[in-house]
N, C-alpha and C. Protein backbone atom coordinates (compact mmCIF):
# COMPACT_ATOMS: atom_id res chain seq x y z
N MET A 1 -1.80 -2.79 26.47
CA MET A 1 -1.23 -3.56 25.39
C MET A 1 0.28 -3.71 25.59
N LEU A 2 0.93 -2.61 25.98
CA LEU A 2 2.36 -2.65 26.24
C LEU A 2 2.66 -3.56 27.42
N ALA A 3 1.80 -3.50 28.43
CA ALA A 3 2.00 -4.34 29.61
C ALA A 3 1.94 -5.81 29.23
N LEU A 4 1.02 -6.18 28.33
CA LEU A 4 0.93 -7.58 27.90
C LEU A 4 2.19 -8.00 27.17
N ALA A 5 2.72 -7.11 26.34
CA ALA A 5 3.96 -7.44 25.62
C ALA A 5 5.12 -7.61 26.59
N LEU A 6 5.18 -6.76 27.61
CA LEU A 6 6.26 -6.87 28.59
C LEU A 6 6.15 -8.16 29.40
N VAL A 7 4.91 -8.54 29.76
CA VAL A 7 4.71 -9.79 30.50
C VAL A 7 5.16 -10.97 29.64
N GLY A 8 4.78 -10.96 28.37
CA GLY A 8 5.18 -12.03 27.45
C GLY A 8 6.69 -12.10 27.30
N LEU A 9 7.35 -10.95 27.22
CA LEU A 9 8.79 -10.90 27.09
C LEU A 9 9.46 -11.45 28.36
N ALA A 10 8.95 -11.04 29.51
CA ALA A 10 9.51 -11.51 30.78
C ALA A 10 9.38 -13.02 30.92
N LEU A 11 8.29 -13.57 30.44
CA LEU A 11 8.08 -15.02 30.55
C LEU A 11 9.00 -15.80 29.62
N THR A 12 9.32 -15.23 28.46
CA THR A 12 10.18 -15.94 27.52
C THR A 12 11.65 -15.67 27.74
N LEU A 13 12.00 -14.66 28.52
CA LEU A 13 13.38 -14.30 28.75
C LEU A 13 14.22 -15.45 29.31
N PRO A 14 13.75 -16.20 30.33
CA PRO A 14 14.58 -17.31 30.84
C PRO A 14 14.89 -18.35 29.76
N SER A 15 13.93 -18.65 28.89
CA SER A 15 14.19 -19.65 27.86
C SER A 15 15.17 -19.10 26.83
N LEU A 16 15.12 -17.81 26.56
CA LEU A 16 16.08 -17.21 25.63
C LEU A 16 17.48 -17.26 26.22
N ARG A 17 17.59 -16.95 27.52
CA ARG A 17 18.89 -16.97 28.19
C ARG A 17 19.50 -18.37 28.11
N SER A 18 18.67 -19.41 28.36
CA SER A 18 19.20 -20.78 28.34
C SER A 18 19.61 -21.18 26.93
N ARG A 19 18.91 -20.71 25.92
CA ARG A 19 19.29 -21.02 24.54
C ARG A 19 20.61 -20.37 24.17
N LEU A 20 20.79 -19.13 24.59
CA LEU A 20 22.00 -18.42 24.26
C LEU A 20 23.21 -18.96 25.01
N SER A 21 23.03 -19.41 26.23
CA SER A 21 24.17 -19.87 27.02
C SER A 21 24.39 -21.37 26.90
N GLY A 22 23.51 -22.09 26.20
CA GLY A 22 23.65 -23.55 26.07
C GLY A 22 24.93 -23.93 25.35
N THR A 23 25.43 -25.13 25.61
CA THR A 23 26.65 -25.60 24.97
C THR A 23 26.30 -26.34 23.70
N ALA A 24 27.28 -26.49 22.82
CA ALA A 24 27.05 -27.16 21.53
C ALA A 24 26.60 -28.59 21.78
N GLY A 25 25.67 -29.06 20.99
CA GLY A 25 25.18 -30.43 21.10
C GLY A 25 24.06 -30.57 22.11
N GLU A 26 23.84 -29.55 22.90
CA GLU A 26 22.80 -29.60 23.93
C GLU A 26 21.47 -29.22 23.27
N ALA A 27 20.44 -29.92 23.55
CA ALA A 27 19.14 -29.62 22.98
C ALA A 27 18.62 -28.30 23.57
N PRO A 28 18.05 -27.44 22.73
CA PRO A 28 17.53 -26.18 23.24
C PRO A 28 16.34 -26.43 24.16
N ALA A 29 16.21 -25.55 25.12
CA ALA A 29 15.09 -25.66 26.06
C ALA A 29 13.79 -25.41 25.34
N ALA A 30 12.75 -26.08 25.78
CA ALA A 30 11.44 -25.86 25.19
C ALA A 30 10.99 -24.44 25.51
N PRO A 31 10.37 -23.76 24.55
CA PRO A 31 9.95 -22.40 24.81
C PRO A 31 8.87 -22.37 25.90
N ALA A 32 8.98 -21.34 26.73
CA ALA A 32 8.00 -21.18 27.80
C ALA A 32 6.69 -20.71 27.19
N ARG A 33 5.61 -21.22 27.71
CA ARG A 33 4.29 -20.78 27.23
C ARG A 33 3.87 -19.59 28.08
N PRO A 34 3.60 -18.46 27.44
CA PRO A 34 3.20 -17.29 28.22
C PRO A 34 1.85 -17.52 28.87
N ALA A 35 1.73 -17.03 30.07
CA ALA A 35 0.46 -17.13 30.79
C ALA A 35 -0.54 -16.19 30.15
N VAL A 36 -1.79 -16.57 30.18
CA VAL A 36 -2.84 -15.71 29.65
C VAL A 36 -3.16 -14.68 30.72
N PRO A 37 -2.94 -13.39 30.41
CA PRO A 37 -3.21 -12.37 31.42
C PRO A 37 -4.70 -12.25 31.68
N VAL A 38 -5.03 -11.98 32.90
CA VAL A 38 -6.41 -11.80 33.30
C VAL A 38 -6.66 -10.31 33.46
N SER A 39 -7.69 -9.83 32.79
CA SER A 39 -8.02 -8.41 32.88
C SER A 39 -8.68 -8.14 34.22
N PRO A 40 -8.29 -7.05 34.86
CA PRO A 40 -8.95 -6.71 36.13
C PRO A 40 -10.39 -6.32 35.87
N ALA A 41 -11.23 -6.60 36.84
CA ALA A 41 -12.65 -6.23 36.71
C ALA A 41 -12.76 -4.71 36.75
N PRO A 42 -13.67 -4.16 35.98
CA PRO A 42 -13.83 -2.71 35.99
C PRO A 42 -14.29 -2.24 37.36
N SER A 43 -13.79 -1.09 37.75
CA SER A 43 -14.19 -0.57 39.06
C SER A 43 -15.64 -0.13 39.02
N PRO A 44 -16.38 -0.32 40.11
CA PRO A 44 -17.80 0.02 40.10
C PRO A 44 -18.03 1.51 39.91
N SER A 45 -17.07 2.35 40.28
CA SER A 45 -17.28 3.79 40.16
C SER A 45 -17.12 4.28 38.73
N ALA A 46 -16.38 3.55 37.91
CA ALA A 46 -16.16 3.98 36.52
C ALA A 46 -17.07 3.18 35.61
N PRO A 47 -18.01 3.86 34.93
CA PRO A 47 -18.88 3.11 34.01
C PRO A 47 -18.07 2.62 32.83
N GLU A 48 -18.39 1.40 32.42
CA GLU A 48 -17.67 0.81 31.29
C GLU A 48 -18.26 1.36 30.00
N SER A 49 -17.39 1.94 29.16
CA SER A 49 -17.87 2.44 27.88
C SER A 49 -17.36 1.51 26.79
N PRO A 50 -18.24 1.14 25.88
CA PRO A 50 -17.81 0.22 24.83
C PRO A 50 -16.80 0.90 23.91
N THR A 51 -15.80 0.13 23.48
CA THR A 51 -14.83 0.65 22.54
C THR A 51 -15.43 0.53 21.15
N PRO A 52 -15.47 1.64 20.40
CA PRO A 52 -16.06 1.56 19.07
C PRO A 52 -15.22 0.67 18.17
N THR A 53 -15.89 -0.13 17.37
CA THR A 53 -15.20 -0.99 16.42
C THR A 53 -15.12 -0.27 15.10
N VAL A 54 -13.91 -0.04 14.63
CA VAL A 54 -13.71 0.65 13.36
C VAL A 54 -12.98 -0.31 12.44
N SER A 55 -13.58 -0.58 11.30
CA SER A 55 -12.91 -1.42 10.32
C SER A 55 -11.99 -0.54 9.50
N PRO A 56 -10.70 -0.87 9.45
CA PRO A 56 -9.81 -0.04 8.65
C PRO A 56 -10.15 -0.18 7.18
N SER A 57 -10.10 0.94 6.47
CA SER A 57 -10.36 0.86 5.04
C SER A 57 -9.15 0.23 4.39
N PRO A 58 -9.38 -0.54 3.35
CA PRO A 58 -8.25 -1.22 2.72
C PRO A 58 -7.30 -0.19 2.11
N SER A 59 -6.02 -0.45 2.22
CA SER A 59 -5.06 0.46 1.63
C SER A 59 -5.18 0.35 0.12
N PRO A 60 -4.74 1.39 -0.61
CA PRO A 60 -4.85 1.32 -2.07
C PRO A 60 -4.14 0.09 -2.63
N THR A 61 -3.02 -0.32 -2.02
CA THR A 61 -2.30 -1.47 -2.55
C THR A 61 -3.05 -2.77 -2.30
N ALA A 62 -3.97 -2.79 -1.32
CA ALA A 62 -4.70 -4.01 -1.03
C ALA A 62 -5.90 -4.18 -1.96
N ARG A 63 -6.29 -3.11 -2.63
CA ARG A 63 -7.45 -3.19 -3.53
C ARG A 63 -7.07 -3.94 -4.81
N THR A 64 -8.05 -4.60 -5.36
CA THR A 64 -7.83 -5.39 -6.56
C THR A 64 -7.66 -4.48 -7.78
N LEU A 65 -6.72 -4.85 -8.61
CA LEU A 65 -6.45 -4.15 -9.85
C LEU A 65 -6.88 -5.08 -10.99
N THR A 66 -7.75 -4.61 -11.85
CA THR A 66 -8.22 -5.42 -12.96
C THR A 66 -7.08 -5.68 -13.94
N ALA A 67 -6.90 -6.92 -14.32
CA ALA A 67 -5.87 -7.29 -15.29
C ALA A 67 -6.40 -7.09 -16.70
N LEU A 68 -5.52 -6.72 -17.60
CA LEU A 68 -5.90 -6.51 -18.99
C LEU A 68 -5.69 -7.76 -19.84
N GLY A 69 -5.11 -8.82 -19.24
CA GLY A 69 -4.93 -10.07 -19.96
C GLY A 69 -3.66 -10.13 -20.77
N ARG A 70 -2.78 -9.19 -20.57
CA ARG A 70 -1.47 -9.21 -21.23
C ARG A 70 -0.43 -9.24 -20.11
N PRO A 71 0.11 -10.41 -19.79
CA PRO A 71 0.95 -10.57 -18.60
C PRO A 71 2.07 -9.54 -18.45
N ARG A 72 2.80 -9.25 -19.50
CA ARG A 72 3.91 -8.28 -19.39
C ARG A 72 3.37 -6.89 -19.06
N LEU A 73 2.30 -6.49 -19.71
CA LEU A 73 1.68 -5.18 -19.45
C LEU A 73 1.09 -5.15 -18.04
N ASP A 74 0.38 -6.21 -17.66
CA ASP A 74 -0.22 -6.26 -16.31
C ASP A 74 0.86 -6.16 -15.22
N THR A 75 1.99 -6.82 -15.43
CA THR A 75 3.09 -6.75 -14.46
C THR A 75 3.64 -5.34 -14.36
N GLN A 76 3.83 -4.68 -15.50
CA GLN A 76 4.37 -3.31 -15.49
C GLN A 76 3.37 -2.34 -14.86
N ILE A 77 2.10 -2.50 -15.16
CA ILE A 77 1.09 -1.63 -14.55
C ILE A 77 1.10 -1.81 -13.03
N ARG A 78 1.16 -3.05 -12.56
CA ARG A 78 1.19 -3.32 -11.12
C ARG A 78 2.40 -2.63 -10.48
N LYS A 79 3.54 -2.69 -11.16
CA LYS A 79 4.77 -2.06 -10.65
C LYS A 79 4.58 -0.54 -10.51
N VAL A 80 3.99 0.09 -11.52
CA VAL A 80 3.78 1.54 -11.47
C VAL A 80 2.74 1.89 -10.42
N VAL A 81 1.64 1.15 -10.37
CA VAL A 81 0.58 1.42 -9.39
C VAL A 81 1.12 1.25 -7.96
N ASP A 82 1.86 0.18 -7.71
CA ASP A 82 2.42 -0.03 -6.37
C ASP A 82 3.33 1.14 -5.97
N SER A 83 4.17 1.59 -6.89
CA SER A 83 5.07 2.70 -6.60
C SER A 83 4.28 3.98 -6.34
N MET A 84 3.28 4.25 -7.16
CA MET A 84 2.46 5.46 -6.97
C MET A 84 1.71 5.40 -5.64
N ASP A 85 1.20 4.22 -5.28
CA ASP A 85 0.48 4.08 -4.01
C ASP A 85 1.41 4.31 -2.82
N ARG A 86 2.64 3.80 -2.92
CA ARG A 86 3.58 3.91 -1.80
C ARG A 86 4.23 5.29 -1.71
N THR A 87 4.65 5.86 -2.85
CA THR A 87 5.49 7.05 -2.82
C THR A 87 4.87 8.27 -3.49
N GLY A 88 3.83 8.07 -4.27
CA GLY A 88 3.26 9.20 -5.02
C GLY A 88 4.02 9.48 -6.31
N ARG A 89 5.01 8.63 -6.62
CA ARG A 89 5.81 8.78 -7.83
C ARG A 89 5.91 7.43 -8.53
N PRO A 90 6.09 7.46 -9.85
CA PRO A 90 6.29 6.18 -10.55
C PRO A 90 7.68 5.63 -10.24
N PRO A 91 7.92 4.36 -10.57
CA PRO A 91 9.25 3.79 -10.31
C PRO A 91 10.31 4.47 -11.17
N ARG A 92 11.55 4.29 -10.77
CA ARG A 92 12.68 4.89 -11.48
C ARG A 92 12.62 4.55 -12.97
N GLY A 93 12.83 5.55 -13.79
CA GLY A 93 12.85 5.35 -15.24
C GLY A 93 11.51 5.60 -15.91
N VAL A 94 10.43 5.57 -15.14
CA VAL A 94 9.10 5.82 -15.69
C VAL A 94 8.77 7.28 -15.40
N GLU A 95 8.37 8.01 -16.44
CA GLU A 95 8.18 9.46 -16.30
C GLU A 95 6.74 9.85 -15.97
N GLN A 96 6.64 11.03 -15.36
CA GLN A 96 5.35 11.68 -15.17
C GLN A 96 5.37 12.88 -16.09
N GLY A 97 4.51 12.88 -17.06
CA GLY A 97 4.46 14.00 -17.98
C GLY A 97 3.61 15.11 -17.43
N GLY A 98 2.78 15.63 -18.28
CA GLY A 98 1.92 16.74 -17.90
C GLY A 98 1.96 17.79 -18.99
N ARG A 99 1.03 18.69 -18.97
CA ARG A 99 0.98 19.75 -19.97
C ARG A 99 2.12 20.73 -19.74
N GLN A 100 2.65 21.22 -20.84
CA GLN A 100 3.75 22.18 -20.75
C GLN A 100 3.30 23.42 -20.00
N GLY A 101 4.15 23.88 -19.10
CA GLY A 101 3.83 25.06 -18.31
C GLY A 101 2.97 24.77 -17.09
N ARG A 102 2.62 23.51 -16.88
CA ARG A 102 1.81 23.12 -15.72
C ARG A 102 2.62 22.21 -14.81
N GLU A 103 2.09 21.93 -13.62
CA GLU A 103 2.79 21.08 -12.67
C GLU A 103 2.98 19.68 -13.25
N ARG A 104 4.20 19.17 -13.12
CA ARG A 104 4.53 17.83 -13.63
C ARG A 104 3.69 16.76 -12.92
N GLY A 105 3.14 15.85 -13.72
CA GLY A 105 2.40 14.73 -13.16
C GLY A 105 0.93 14.97 -12.90
N VAL A 106 0.46 16.22 -13.05
CA VAL A 106 -0.96 16.51 -12.82
C VAL A 106 -1.70 16.32 -14.14
N PHE A 107 -2.72 15.50 -14.10
CA PHE A 107 -3.55 15.27 -15.28
C PHE A 107 -4.73 16.24 -15.22
N GLN A 108 -4.89 17.06 -16.22
CA GLN A 108 -5.91 18.11 -16.23
C GLN A 108 -7.30 17.64 -16.66
N ASN A 109 -7.40 16.48 -17.29
CA ASN A 109 -8.67 15.95 -17.79
C ASN A 109 -9.34 16.92 -18.76
N LEU A 110 -8.53 17.62 -19.55
CA LEU A 110 -9.07 18.57 -20.51
C LEU A 110 -9.89 17.88 -21.60
N GLU A 111 -9.62 16.61 -21.83
CA GLU A 111 -10.38 15.84 -22.82
C GLU A 111 -11.76 15.48 -22.28
N ARG A 112 -11.95 15.60 -20.99
CA ARG A 112 -13.21 15.31 -20.29
C ARG A 112 -13.69 13.88 -20.53
N ARG A 113 -12.75 12.95 -20.54
CA ARG A 113 -13.12 11.55 -20.72
C ARG A 113 -13.20 10.81 -19.39
N LEU A 114 -12.74 11.46 -18.32
CA LEU A 114 -12.86 10.89 -16.98
C LEU A 114 -13.89 11.70 -16.21
N PRO A 115 -14.41 11.16 -15.10
CA PRO A 115 -15.39 11.92 -14.32
C PRO A 115 -14.83 13.29 -13.92
N ALA A 116 -15.68 14.30 -13.98
CA ALA A 116 -15.28 15.67 -13.63
C ALA A 116 -14.92 15.74 -12.16
N LYS A 117 -13.75 16.28 -11.88
CA LYS A 117 -13.25 16.44 -10.52
C LYS A 117 -12.53 17.78 -10.44
N PRO A 118 -12.26 18.26 -9.22
CA PRO A 118 -11.55 19.53 -9.09
C PRO A 118 -10.14 19.45 -9.68
N SER A 119 -9.61 20.58 -10.07
CA SER A 119 -8.27 20.66 -10.62
C SER A 119 -7.27 20.06 -9.62
N GLY A 120 -6.35 19.24 -10.13
CA GLY A 120 -5.35 18.60 -9.28
C GLY A 120 -5.78 17.27 -8.70
N TYR A 121 -7.01 16.84 -8.98
CA TYR A 121 -7.52 15.57 -8.44
C TYR A 121 -6.78 14.38 -9.05
N TYR A 122 -6.49 14.47 -10.35
CA TYR A 122 -5.86 13.35 -11.06
C TYR A 122 -4.36 13.56 -11.22
N ARG A 123 -3.59 12.46 -11.09
CA ARG A 123 -2.15 12.44 -11.37
C ARG A 123 -1.94 11.46 -12.52
N GLU A 124 -0.89 11.65 -13.28
CA GLU A 124 -0.65 10.74 -14.39
C GLU A 124 0.78 10.25 -14.41
N SER A 125 0.96 9.12 -15.09
CA SER A 125 2.27 8.52 -15.22
C SER A 125 2.32 7.73 -16.52
N ASP A 126 3.51 7.64 -17.09
CA ASP A 126 3.71 6.71 -18.20
C ASP A 126 3.58 5.30 -17.63
N VAL A 127 3.41 4.33 -18.52
CA VAL A 127 3.39 2.93 -18.11
C VAL A 127 4.80 2.36 -18.19
N TRP A 128 5.49 2.66 -19.28
CA TRP A 128 6.80 2.08 -19.55
C TRP A 128 7.90 3.12 -19.39
N PRO A 129 9.10 2.68 -19.07
CA PRO A 129 10.24 3.61 -19.09
C PRO A 129 10.44 4.13 -20.52
N ARG A 130 11.03 5.32 -20.62
CA ARG A 130 11.28 5.91 -21.94
C ARG A 130 12.17 4.96 -22.75
N GLY A 131 11.77 4.74 -23.99
CA GLY A 131 12.55 3.88 -24.88
C GLY A 131 13.26 4.70 -25.93
N PRO A 132 13.94 4.04 -26.84
CA PRO A 132 14.67 4.76 -27.90
C PRO A 132 13.75 5.60 -28.78
N SER A 133 12.49 5.20 -28.88
CA SER A 133 11.56 5.95 -29.73
C SER A 133 10.69 6.92 -28.93
N GLY A 134 11.03 7.18 -27.69
CA GLY A 134 10.27 8.14 -26.88
C GLY A 134 9.49 7.49 -25.76
N ARG A 135 8.45 8.20 -25.31
CA ARG A 135 7.68 7.77 -24.15
C ARG A 135 6.56 6.80 -24.48
N GLY A 136 6.16 6.69 -25.69
CA GLY A 136 5.05 5.82 -26.03
C GLY A 136 3.72 6.48 -25.70
N ALA A 137 2.63 5.80 -25.99
CA ALA A 137 1.29 6.38 -25.81
C ALA A 137 0.57 5.90 -24.57
N GLU A 138 1.06 4.84 -23.93
CA GLU A 138 0.34 4.26 -22.79
C GLU A 138 0.54 5.10 -21.53
N ARG A 139 -0.59 5.37 -20.85
CA ARG A 139 -0.55 6.18 -19.64
C ARG A 139 -1.44 5.57 -18.57
N LEU A 140 -1.14 5.92 -17.32
CA LEU A 140 -2.00 5.60 -16.18
C LEU A 140 -2.40 6.91 -15.54
N VAL A 141 -3.66 7.01 -15.13
CA VAL A 141 -4.17 8.19 -14.43
C VAL A 141 -4.72 7.71 -13.10
N PHE A 142 -4.33 8.42 -12.03
CA PHE A 142 -4.68 8.06 -10.65
C PHE A 142 -5.55 9.13 -10.04
N GLY A 143 -6.70 8.72 -9.47
CA GLY A 143 -7.56 9.64 -8.75
C GLY A 143 -7.19 9.64 -7.28
N ARG A 144 -7.50 10.71 -6.59
CA ARG A 144 -7.17 10.85 -5.17
C ARG A 144 -7.83 9.79 -4.29
N GLU A 145 -8.93 9.22 -4.75
CA GLU A 145 -9.64 8.22 -3.94
C GLU A 145 -9.28 6.79 -4.33
N GLY A 146 -8.16 6.62 -5.04
CA GLY A 146 -7.68 5.29 -5.36
C GLY A 146 -8.01 4.78 -6.74
N GLU A 147 -8.73 5.55 -7.54
CA GLU A 147 -9.07 5.10 -8.89
C GLU A 147 -7.80 5.02 -9.73
N VAL A 148 -7.77 4.06 -10.65
CA VAL A 148 -6.67 3.95 -11.60
C VAL A 148 -7.28 3.70 -12.97
N TYR A 149 -6.88 4.51 -13.93
CA TYR A 149 -7.35 4.38 -15.31
C TYR A 149 -6.15 4.13 -16.21
N TYR A 150 -6.34 3.27 -17.20
CA TYR A 150 -5.31 2.96 -18.18
C TYR A 150 -5.74 3.52 -19.53
N SER A 151 -4.81 4.19 -20.21
CA SER A 151 -5.07 4.66 -21.57
C SER A 151 -4.00 4.07 -22.48
N LYS A 152 -4.43 3.34 -23.49
CA LYS A 152 -3.47 2.74 -24.42
C LYS A 152 -3.13 3.70 -25.55
N ASP A 153 -3.92 4.78 -25.68
CA ASP A 153 -3.80 5.66 -26.84
C ASP A 153 -3.68 7.14 -26.46
N HIS A 154 -2.87 7.43 -25.48
CA HIS A 154 -2.58 8.80 -25.03
C HIS A 154 -3.86 9.60 -24.77
N TYR A 155 -4.69 9.09 -23.88
CA TYR A 155 -5.88 9.76 -23.35
C TYR A 155 -7.08 9.81 -24.30
N ARG A 156 -7.06 9.08 -25.42
CA ARG A 156 -8.25 9.06 -26.28
C ARG A 156 -9.33 8.15 -25.69
N SER A 157 -8.89 7.09 -25.02
CA SER A 157 -9.83 6.18 -24.36
C SER A 157 -9.21 5.70 -23.06
N PHE A 158 -10.07 5.28 -22.14
CA PHE A 158 -9.62 4.83 -20.83
C PHE A 158 -10.30 3.52 -20.45
N THR A 159 -9.59 2.71 -19.69
CA THR A 159 -10.14 1.51 -19.06
C THR A 159 -9.89 1.67 -17.57
N ARG A 160 -10.97 1.56 -16.79
CA ARG A 160 -10.78 1.67 -15.34
C ARG A 160 -10.26 0.35 -14.82
N LEU A 161 -9.14 0.41 -14.09
CA LEU A 161 -8.51 -0.78 -13.52
C LEU A 161 -8.82 -0.95 -12.05
N ARG A 162 -9.14 0.15 -11.38
CA ARG A 162 -9.45 0.08 -9.96
C ARG A 162 -10.34 1.26 -9.61
């Protein structure tokens, strides 16, 4: 793969040089078309083994998130979910709560309203940044396998978003 990239670079290098050294008003040289490399035939002594085809699993950010039909809320949820998927933390200003005396951001599922999982499986985050009246009741809960649940009423009910 690296060899193919180097061959392609070597083929385009002369056209790059002419573009960089050209004078003002001069038309740039047409880009060189890289030659299609020919793979050498496998040697008869080495049996050809097929390369296994593995489909990459979609990243959490590539998975669809169900919209709740409230554009401002849906946008904020997407912002928090994207941040949690990328960094494991909510965006700046949005807090991760948790039970007092326990690890911050770990959702214990003590209400047992989500599927039973081992301790530490779920993480939680507020939806909105803290406002003048506090943190509000809306929360997001994230499962280790990419699940996302929304609670509008501080864990009394949940809507699965992903």
